[in-house]
Amino acid sequence: MPRKKCSEEQIIYALRSVEGGAKIGEVCRQLGVAEQTYFRWKRQYGGLGVSELRELRQLRDENSSLKRLVADLSLDKRMLQKVLAKKV
């Protein structure tokens, strides 16, 4: 089953609705997510606004791409070192 990606607005809506008095089960049913997902969102994004949440996601995406880049470069370095070691 493919994972659904909720937008930042939907996550903040869910958190604010429950803070405002709505029932967790009702909000989760509207969004089509499990209550466990709500509690994970609450733990991760508890005090954030929409703009802060967008910035956090952008930074996470950038961080993962930089990690991939470092992994590729270190692999290239290791391969070049092996080639140079064989020539000497």
PDB file of N, CA and C in Angstrom:
ATOM      1  N   MET A   1       0.844  -1.171   0.000  1.00  0.00           N
ATOM      2  CA  MET A   1       0.000   0.000   0.000  1.00  0.00           C
ATOM      3  C   MET A   1       0.895   1.241   0.000  1.00  0.00           C
ATOM      4  N   PRO A   2       0.717   2.152  -0.956  1.00  0.00           N
ATOM      5  CA  PRO A   2       1.572   3.339  -1.019  1.00  0.00           C
ATOM      6  C   PRO A   2       1.306   4.296   0.134  1.00  0.00           C
ATOM      7  N   ARG A   3       2.370   4.956   0.540  1.00  0.00           N
ATOM      8  CA  ARG A   3       2.236   5.911   1.634  1.00  0.00           C
ATOM      9  C   ARG A   3       1.652   7.211   1.119  1.00  0.00           C
ATOM     10  N   LYS A   4       0.764   7.793   1.899  1.00  0.00           N
ATOM     11  CA  LYS A   4       0.215   9.094   1.553  1.00  0.00           C
ATOM     12  C   LYS A   4       1.128  10.160   2.103  1.00  0.00           C
ATOM     13  N   LYS A   5       1.276  11.204   1.360  1.00  0.00           N
ATOM     14  CA  LYS A   5       2.026  12.351   1.855  1.00  0.00           C
ATOM     15  C   LYS A   5       1.031  13.475   2.090  1.00  0.00           C
ATOM     16  N   CYS A   6       0.912  13.864   3.308  1.00  0.00           N
ATOM     17  CA  CYS A   6       0.038  14.987   3.635  1.00  0.00           C
ATOM     18  C   CYS A   6       0.838  16.272   3.508  1.00  0.00           C
ATOM     19  N   SER A   7       0.186  17.307   3.072  1.00  0.00           N
ATOM     20  CA  SER A   7       0.858  18.594   2.936  1.00  0.00           C
ATOM     21  C   SER A   7       1.084  19.213   4.308  1.00  0.00           C
ATOM     22  N   GLU A   8       1.915  20.222   4.326  1.00  0.00           N
ATOM     23  CA  GLU A   8       2.202  20.913   5.582  1.00  0.00           C
ATOM     24  C   GLU A   8       0.931  21.506   6.179  1.00  0.00           C
ATOM     25  N   GLU A   9       0.075  22.034   5.320  1.00  0.00           N
ATOM     26  CA  GLU A   9      -1.159  22.635   5.785  1.00  0.00           C
ATOM     27  C   GLU A   9      -2.048  21.604   6.471  1.00  0.00           C
ATOM     28  N   GLN A  10      -2.095  20.384   5.911  1.00  0.00           N
ATOM     29  CA  GLN A  10      -2.921  19.343   6.489  1.00  0.00           C
ATOM     30  C   GLN A  10      -2.393  18.901   7.850  1.00  0.00           C
ATOM     31  N   ILE A  11      -1.069  18.810   7.978  1.00  0.00           N
ATOM     32  CA  ILE A  11      -0.479  18.415   9.253  1.00  0.00           C
ATOM     33  C   ILE A  11      -0.778  19.465  10.317  1.00  0.00           C
ATOM     34  N   ILE A  12      -0.560  20.729   9.985  1.00  0.00           N
ATOM     35  CA  ILE A  12      -0.825  21.804  10.941  1.00  0.00           C
ATOM     36  C   ILE A  12      -2.316  21.878  11.256  1.00  0.00           C
ATOM     37  N   TYR A  13      -3.168  21.672  10.242  1.00  0.00           N
ATOM     38  CA  TYR A  13      -4.614  21.650  10.468  1.00  0.00           C
ATOM     39  C   TYR A  13      -4.981  20.589  11.488  1.00  0.00           C
ATOM     40  N   ALA A  14      -4.415  19.396  11.343  1.00  0.00           N
ATOM     41  CA  ALA A  14      -4.724  18.307  12.267  1.00  0.00           C
ATOM     42  C   ALA A  14      -4.294  18.656  13.685  1.00  0.00           C
ATOM     43  N   LEU A  15      -3.089  19.177  13.824  1.00  0.00           N
ATOM     44  CA  LEU A  15      -2.588  19.522  15.159  1.00  0.00           C
ATOM     45  C   LEU A  15      -3.407  20.634  15.800  1.00  0.00           C
ATOM     46  N   ARG A  16      -3.735  21.654  15.033  1.00  0.00           N
ATOM     47  CA  ARG A  16      -4.498  22.782  15.574  1.00  0.00           C
ATOM     48  C   ARG A  16      -5.944  22.400  15.884  1.00  0.00           C
ATOM     49  N   SER A  17      -6.513  21.519  15.067  1.00  0.00           N
ATOM     50  CA  SER A  17      -7.902  21.104  15.303  1.00  0.00           C
ATOM     51  C   SER A  17      -8.036  20.380  16.635  1.00  0.00           C
ATOM     52  N   VAL A  18      -7.108  19.496  16.906  1.00  0.00           N
ATOM     53  CA  VAL A  18      -7.173  18.751  18.164  1.00  0.00           C
ATOM     54  C   VAL A  18      -6.897  19.679  19.330  1.00  0.00           C
ATOM     55  N   GLU A  19      -5.986  20.627  19.156  1.00  0.00           N
ATOM     56  CA  GLU A  19      -5.740  21.608  20.212  1.00  0.00           C
ATOM     57  C   GLU A  19      -6.994  22.445  20.473  1.00  0.00           C
ATOM     58  N   GLY A  20      -7.779  22.676  19.429  1.00  0.00           N
ATOM     59  CA  GLY A  20      -9.001  23.466  19.552  1.00  0.00           C
ATOM     60  C   GLY A  20     -10.177  22.707  20.143  1.00  0.00           C
ATOM     61  N   GLY A  21     -10.027  21.405  20.338  1.00  0.00           N
ATOM     62  CA  GLY A  21     -11.097  20.656  20.975  1.00  0.00           C
ATOM     63  C   GLY A  21     -11.687  19.542  20.143  1.00  0.00           C
ATOM     64  N   ALA A  22     -11.260  19.397  18.904  1.00  0.00           N
ATOM     65  CA  ALA A  22     -11.780  18.308  18.075  1.00  0.00           C
ATOM     66  C   ALA A  22     -11.212  16.979  18.559  1.00  0.00           C
ATOM     67  N   LYS A  23     -11.920  15.912  18.281  1.00  0.00           N
ATOM     68  CA  LYS A  23     -11.461  14.589  18.688  1.00  0.00           C
ATOM     69  C   LYS A  23     -10.412  14.086  17.709  1.00  0.00           C
ATOM     70  N   ILE A  24      -9.421  13.406  18.247  1.00  0.00           N
ATOM     71  CA  ILE A  24      -8.308  12.903  17.431  1.00  0.00           C
ATOM     72  C   ILE A  24      -8.811  11.949  16.357  1.00  0.00           C
ATOM     73  N   GLY A  25      -9.699  11.050  16.749  1.00  0.00           N
ATOM     74  CA  GLY A  25     -10.228  10.081  15.793  1.00  0.00           C
ATOM     75  C   GLY A  25     -10.957  10.739  14.638  1.00  0.00           C
ATOM     76  N   GLU A  26     -11.700  11.797  14.925  1.00  0.00           N
ATOM     77  CA  GLU A  26     -12.450  12.519  13.887  1.00  0.00           C
ATOM     78  C   GLU A  26     -11.504  13.187  12.894  1.00  0.00           C
ATOM     79  N   VAL A  27     -10.482  13.862  13.408  1.00  0.00           N
ATOM     80  CA  VAL A  27      -9.528  14.556  12.542  1.00  0.00           C
ATOM     81  C   VAL A  27      -8.759  13.549  11.690  1.00  0.00           C
ATOM     82  N   CYS A  28      -8.342  12.458  12.297  1.00  0.00           N
ATOM     83  CA  CYS A  28      -7.595  11.435  11.559  1.00  0.00           C
ATOM     84  C   CYS A  28      -8.455  10.806  10.470  1.00  0.00           C
ATOM     85  N   ARG A  29      -9.718  10.598  10.758  1.00  0.00           N
ATOM     86  CA  ARG A  29     -10.621  10.030   9.763  1.00  0.00           C
ATOM     87  C   ARG A  29     -10.798  10.982   8.586  1.00  0.00           C
ATOM     88  N   GLN A  30     -10.887  12.286   8.857  1.00  0.00           N
ATOM     89  CA  GLN A  30     -11.026  13.264   7.775  1.00  0.00           C
ATOM     90  C   GLN A  30      -9.807  13.259   6.864  1.00  0.00           C
ATOM     91  N   LEU A  31      -8.622  13.124   7.456  1.00  0.00           N
ATOM     92  CA  LEU A  31      -7.389  13.145   6.667  1.00  0.00           C
ATOM     93  C   LEU A  31      -7.032  11.779   6.093  1.00  0.00           C
ATOM     94  N   GLY A  32      -7.651  10.729   6.607  1.00  0.00           N
ATOM     95  CA  GLY A  32      -7.356   9.383   6.126  1.00  0.00           C
ATOM     96  C   GLY A  32      -6.039   8.846   6.654  1.00  0.00           C
ATOM     97  N   VAL A  33      -5.702   9.201   7.884  1.00  0.00           N
ATOM     98  CA  VAL A  33      -4.472   8.702   8.498  1.00  0.00           C
ATOM     99  C   VAL A  33      -4.812   8.007   9.808  1.00  0.00           C
ATOM    100  N   ALA A  34      -3.886   7.218  10.309  1.00  0.00           N
ATOM    101  CA  ALA A  34      -4.083   6.524  11.577  1.00  0.00           C
ATOM    102  C   ALA A  34      -3.817   7.481  12.731  1.00  0.00           C
ATOM    103  N   GLU A  35      -4.366   7.138  13.885  1.00  0.00           N
ATOM    104  CA  GLU A  35      -4.117   7.963  15.068  1.00  0.00           C
ATOM    105  C   GLU A  35      -2.644   7.949  15.432  1.00  0.00           C
ATOM    106  N   GLN A  36      -1.984   6.844  15.156  1.00  0.00           N
ATOM    107  CA  GLN A  36      -0.549   6.741  15.412  1.00  0.00           C
ATOM    108  C   GLN A  36       0.211   7.797  14.608  1.00  0.00           C
ATOM    109  N   THR A  37      -0.232   8.061  13.392  1.00  0.00           N
ATOM    110  CA  THR A  37       0.384   9.092  12.558  1.00  0.00           C
ATOM    111  C   THR A  37       0.206  10.457  13.191  1.00  0.00           C
ATOM    112  N   TYR A  38      -0.982  10.706  13.732  1.00  0.00           N
ATOM    113  CA  TYR A  38      -1.218  11.982  14.403  1.00  0.00           C
ATOM    114  C   TYR A  38      -0.240  12.180  15.549  1.00  0.00           C
ATOM    115  N   PHE A  39      -0.055  11.168  16.367  1.00  0.00           N
ATOM    116  CA  PHE A  39       0.840  11.302  17.522  1.00  0.00           C
ATOM    117  C   PHE A  39       2.299  11.475  17.079  1.00  0.00           C
ATOM    118  N   ARG A  40       2.669  10.841  15.974  1.00  0.00           N
ATOM    119  CA  ARG A  40       4.017  11.045  15.424  1.00  0.00           C
ATOM    120  C   ARG A  40       4.180  12.483  14.947  1.00  0.00           C
ATOM    121  N   TRP A  41       3.156  13.005  14.270  1.00  0.00           N
ATOM    122  CA  TRP A  41       3.199  14.405  13.840  1.00  0.00           C
ATOM    123  C   TRP A  41       3.294  15.330  15.041  1.00  0.00           C
ATOM    124  N   LYS A  42       2.539  15.029  16.078  1.00  0.00           N
ATOM    125  CA  LYS A  42       2.538  15.879  17.268  1.00  0.00           C
ATOM    126  C   LYS A  42       3.921  15.908  17.902  1.00  0.00           C
ATOM    127  N   ARG A  43       4.579  14.757  17.952  1.00  0.00           N
ATOM    128  CA  ARG A  43       5.915  14.687  18.530  1.00  0.00           C
ATOM    129  C   ARG A  43       6.928  15.451  17.667  1.00  0.00           C
ATOM    130  N   GLN A  44       6.805  15.332  16.352  1.00  0.00           N
ATOM    131  CA  GLN A  44       7.779  15.951  15.457  1.00  0.00           C
ATOM    132  C   GLN A  44       7.527  17.432  15.221  1.00  0.00           C
ATOM    133  N   TYR A  45       6.265  17.804  15.041  1.00  0.00           N
ATOM    134  CA  TYR A  45       5.937  19.154  14.577  1.00  0.00           C
ATOM    135  C   TYR A  45       5.100  19.934  15.577  1.00  0.00           C
ATOM    136  N   GLY A  46       5.133  19.574  16.841  1.00  0.00           N
ATOM    137  CA  GLY A  46       4.260  20.135  17.863  1.00  0.00           C
ATOM    138  C   GLY A  46       4.124  21.646  17.857  1.00  0.00           C
ATOM    139  N   GLY A  47       5.194  22.401  17.924  1.00  0.00           N
ATOM    140  CA  GLY A  47       5.087  23.843  18.067  1.00  0.00           C
ATOM    141  C   GLY A  47       5.408  24.621  16.808  1.00  0.00           C
ATOM    142  N   LEU A  48       5.383  23.976  15.655  1.00  0.00           N
ATOM    143  CA  LEU A  48       5.777  24.648  14.416  1.00  0.00           C
ATOM    144  C   LEU A  48       4.579  25.228  13.675  1.00  0.00           C
ATOM    145  N   GLY A  49       4.844  26.303  12.944  1.00  0.00           N
ATOM    146  CA  GLY A  49       3.849  26.862  12.041  1.00  0.00           C
ATOM    147  C   GLY A  49       4.068  26.296  10.643  1.00  0.00           C
ATOM    148  N   VAL A  50       3.235  26.707   9.705  1.00  0.00           N
ATOM    149  CA  VAL A  50       3.312  26.180   8.343  1.00  0.00           C
ATOM    150  C   VAL A  50       4.642  26.546   7.694  1.00  0.00           C
ATOM    151  N   SER A  51       5.072  27.794   7.825  1.00  0.00           N
ATOM    152  CA  SER A  51       6.316  28.209   7.183  1.00  0.00           C
ATOM    153  C   SER A  51       7.518  27.501   7.788  1.00  0.00           C
ATOM    154  N   GLU A  52       7.510  27.312   9.116  1.00  0.00           N
ATOM    155  CA  GLU A  52       8.611  26.601   9.765  1.00  0.00           C
ATOM    156  C   GLU A  52       8.655  25.141   9.346  1.00  0.00           C
ATOM    157  N   LEU A  53       7.473  24.539   9.172  1.00  0.00           N
ATOM    158  CA  LEU A  53       7.403  23.153   8.747  1.00  0.00           C
ATOM    159  C   LEU A  53       7.920  22.994   7.323  1.00  0.00           C
ATOM    160  N   ARG A  54       7.578  23.916   6.449  1.00  0.00           N
ATOM    161  CA  ARG A  54       8.092  23.880   5.078  1.00  0.00           C
ATOM    162  C   ARG A  54       9.612  24.006   5.062  1.00  0.00           C
ATOM    163  N   GLU A  55      10.127  24.922   5.867  1.00  0.00           N
ATOM    164  CA  GLU A  55      11.574  25.112   5.934  1.00  0.00           C
ATOM    165  C   GLU A  55      12.260  23.854   6.462  1.00  0.00           C
ATOM    166  N   LEU A  56      11.661  23.204   7.452  1.00  0.00           N
ATOM    167  CA  LEU A  56      12.220  21.971   7.999  1.00  0.00           C
ATOM    168  C   LEU A  56      12.273  20.881   6.942  1.00  0.00           C
ATOM    169  N   ARG A  57      11.201  20.714   6.188  1.00  0.00           N
ATOM    170  CA  ARG A  57      11.191  19.707   5.120  1.00  0.00           C
ATOM    171  C   ARG A  57      12.228  20.032   4.048  1.00  0.00           C
ATOM    172  N   GLN A  58      12.354  21.303   3.702  1.00  0.00           N
ATOM    173  CA  GLN A  58      13.329  21.703   2.693  1.00  0.00           C
ATOM    174  C   GLN A  58      14.747  21.404   3.178  1.00  0.00           C
ATOM    175  N   LEU A  59      15.028  21.693   4.436  1.00  0.00           N
ATOM    176  CA  LEU A  59      16.352  21.423   4.987  1.00  0.00           C
ATOM    177  C   LEU A  59      16.634  19.921   5.044  1.00  0.00           C
ATOM    178  N   ARG A  60      15.625  19.126   5.371  1.00  0.00           N
ATOM    179  CA  ARG A  60      15.816  17.671   5.388  1.00  0.00           C
ATOM    180  C   ARG A  60      16.109  17.141   3.985  1.00  0.00           C
ATOM    181  N   ASP A  61      15.391  17.652   2.984  1.00  0.00           N
ATOM    182  CA  ASP A  61      15.648  17.224   1.611  1.00  0.00           C
ATOM    183  C   ASP A  61      17.059  17.603   1.169  1.00  0.00           C
ATOM    184  N   GLU A  62      17.459  18.830   1.489  1.00  0.00           N
ATOM    185  CA  GLU A  62      18.794  19.289   1.133  1.00  0.00           C
ATOM    186  C   GLU A  62      19.857  18.457   1.849  1.00  0.00           C
ATOM    187  N   ASN A  63      19.628  18.143   3.106  1.00  0.00           N
ATOM    188  CA  ASN A  63      20.575  17.345   3.874  1.00  0.00           C
ATOM    189  C   ASN A  63      20.734  15.953   3.275  1.00  0.00           C
ATOM    190  N   SER A  64      19.634  15.342   2.873  1.00  0.00           N
ATOM    191  CA  SER A  64      19.724  14.000   2.292  1.00  0.00           C
ATOM    192  C   SER A  64      20.455  14.022   0.954  1.00  0.00           C
ATOM    193  N   SER A  65      20.241  15.063   0.149  1.00  0.00           N
ATOM    194  CA  SER A  65      20.962  15.136  -1.124  1.00  0.00           C
ATOM    195  C   SER A  65      22.453  15.362  -0.894  1.00  0.00           C
ATOM    196  N   LEU A  66      22.807  16.149   0.112  1.00  0.00           N
ATOM    197  CA  LEU A  66      24.223  16.358   0.424  1.00  0.00           C
ATOM    198  C   LEU A  66      24.867  15.078   0.953  1.00  0.00           C
ATOM    199  N   LYS A  67      24.139  14.307   1.727  1.00  0.00           N
ATOM    200  CA  LYS A  67      24.673  13.035   2.212  1.00  0.00           C
ATOM    201  C   LYS A  67      24.933  12.086   1.050  1.00  0.00           C
ATOM    202  N   ARG A  68      24.026  12.051   0.083  1.00  0.00           N
ATOM    203  CA  ARG A  68      24.234  11.209  -1.095  1.00  0.00           C
ATOM    204  C   ARG A  68      25.460  11.652  -1.865  1.00  0.00           C
ATOM    205  N   LEU A  69      25.637  12.957  -1.998  1.00  0.00           N
ATOM    206  CA  LEU A  69      26.785  13.501  -2.707  1.00  0.00           C
ATOM    207  C   LEU A  69      28.087  13.116  -2.017  1.00  0.00           C
ATOM    208  N   VAL A  70      28.139  13.231  -0.705  1.00  0.00           N
ATOM    209  CA  VAL A  70      29.335  12.858   0.050  1.00  0.00           C
ATOM    210  C   VAL A  70      29.614  11.366  -0.105  1.00  0.00           C
ATOM    211  N   ALA A  71      28.571  10.543  -0.060  1.00  0.00           N
ATOM    212  CA  ALA A  71      28.756   9.102  -0.220  1.00  0.00           C
ATOM    213  C   ALA A  71      29.325   8.777  -1.598  1.00  0.00           C
ATOM    214  N   ASP A  72      28.817   9.428  -2.649  1.00  0.00           N
ATOM    215  CA  ASP A  72      29.327   9.200  -3.998  1.00  0.00           C
ATOM    216  C   ASP A  72      30.784   9.631  -4.120  1.00  0.00           C
ATOM    217  N   LEU A  73      31.109  10.786  -3.560  1.00  0.00           N
ATOM    218  CA  LEU A  73      32.484  11.281  -3.650  1.00  0.00           C
ATOM    219  C   LEU A  73      33.455  10.406  -2.859  1.00  0.00           C
ATOM    220  N   SER A  74      33.048   9.930  -1.704  1.00  0.00           N
ATOM    221  CA  SER A  74      33.934   9.067  -0.930  1.00  0.00           C
ATOM    222  C   SER A  74      34.136   7.724  -1.632  1.00  0.00           C
ATOM    223  N   LEU A  75      33.105   7.233  -2.308  1.00  0.00           N
ATOM    224  CA  LEU A  75      33.242   6.004  -3.085  1.00  0.00           C
ATOM    225  C   LEU A  75      34.207   6.218  -4.246  1.00  0.00           C
ATOM    226  N   ASP A  76      34.084   7.345  -4.938  1.00  0.00           N
ATOM    227  CA  ASP A  76      35.009   7.662  -6.029  1.00  0.00           C
ATOM    228  C   ASP A  76      36.438   7.758  -5.519  1.00  0.00           C
ATOM    229  N   LYS A  77      36.627   8.378  -4.391  1.00  0.00           N
ATOM    230  CA  LYS A  77      37.961   8.522  -3.804  1.00  0.00           C
ATOM    231  C   LYS A  77      38.553   7.156  -3.490  1.00  0.00           C
ATOM    232  N   ARG A  78      37.763   6.287  -2.890  1.00  0.00           N
ATOM    233  CA  ARG A  78      38.228   4.953  -2.534  1.00  0.00           C
ATOM    234  C   ARG A  78      38.617   4.161  -3.777  1.00  0.00           C
ATOM    235  N   MET A  79      37.832   4.266  -4.848  1.00  0.00           N
ATOM    236  CA  MET A  79      38.151   3.555  -6.084  1.00  0.00           C
ATOM    237  C   MET A  79      39.449   4.081  -6.688  1.00  0.00           C
ATOM    238  N   LEU A  80      39.641   5.401  -6.685  1.00  0.00           N
ATOM    239  CA  LEU A  80      40.865   5.977  -7.229  1.00  0.00           C
ATOM    240  C   LEU A  80      42.080   5.563  -6.405  1.00  0.00           C
ATOM    241  N   GLN A  81      41.937   5.493  -5.095  1.00  0.00           N
ATOM    242  CA  GLN A  81      43.042   5.067  -4.249  1.00  0.00           C
ATOM    243  C   GLN A  81      43.440   3.618  -4.522  1.00  0.00           C
ATOM    244  N   LYS A  82      42.456   2.768  -4.778  1.00  0.00           N
ATOM    245  CA  LYS A  82      42.740   1.369  -5.113  1.00  0.00           C
ATOM    246  C   LYS A  82      43.486   1.274  -6.442  1.00  0.00           C
ATOM    247  N   VAL A  83      43.067   2.074  -7.422  1.00  0.00           N
ATOM    248  CA  VAL A  83      43.721   2.055  -8.728  1.00  0.00           C
ATOM    249  C   VAL A  83      45.165   2.536  -8.593  1.00  0.00           C
ATOM    250  N   LEU A  84      45.386   3.603  -7.846  1.00  0.00           N
ATOM    251  CA  LEU A  84      46.734   4.110  -7.644  1.00  0.00           C
ATOM    252  C   LEU A  84      47.600   3.121  -6.869  1.00  0.00           C
ATOM    253  N   ALA A  85      47.027   2.419  -5.927  1.00  0.00           N
ATOM    254  CA  ALA A  85      47.794   1.437  -5.146  1.00  0.00           C
ATOM    255  C   ALA A  85      48.239   0.281  -6.020  1.00  0.00           C
ATOM    256  N   LYS A  86      47.443  -0.120  -6.983  1.00  0.00           N
ATOM    257  CA  LYS A  86      47.807  -1.207  -7.870  1.00  0.00           C
ATOM    258  C   LYS A  86      48.917  -0.804  -8.830  1.00  0.00           C
ATOM    259  N   LYS A  87      48.965   0.448  -9.241  1.00  0.00           N
ATOM    260  CA  LYS A  87      49.970   0.920 -10.200  1.00  0.00           C
ATOM    261  C   LYS A  87      51.352   1.032  -9.566  1.00  0.00           C
ATOM    262  N   VAL A  88      51.390   1.312  -8.288  1.00  0.00           N
ATOM    263  CA  VAL A  88      52.676   1.534  -7.620  1.00  0.00           C
ATOM    264  C   VAL A  88      53.337   0.273  -7.248  1.00  0.00           C
TER     265      VAL A  88
END
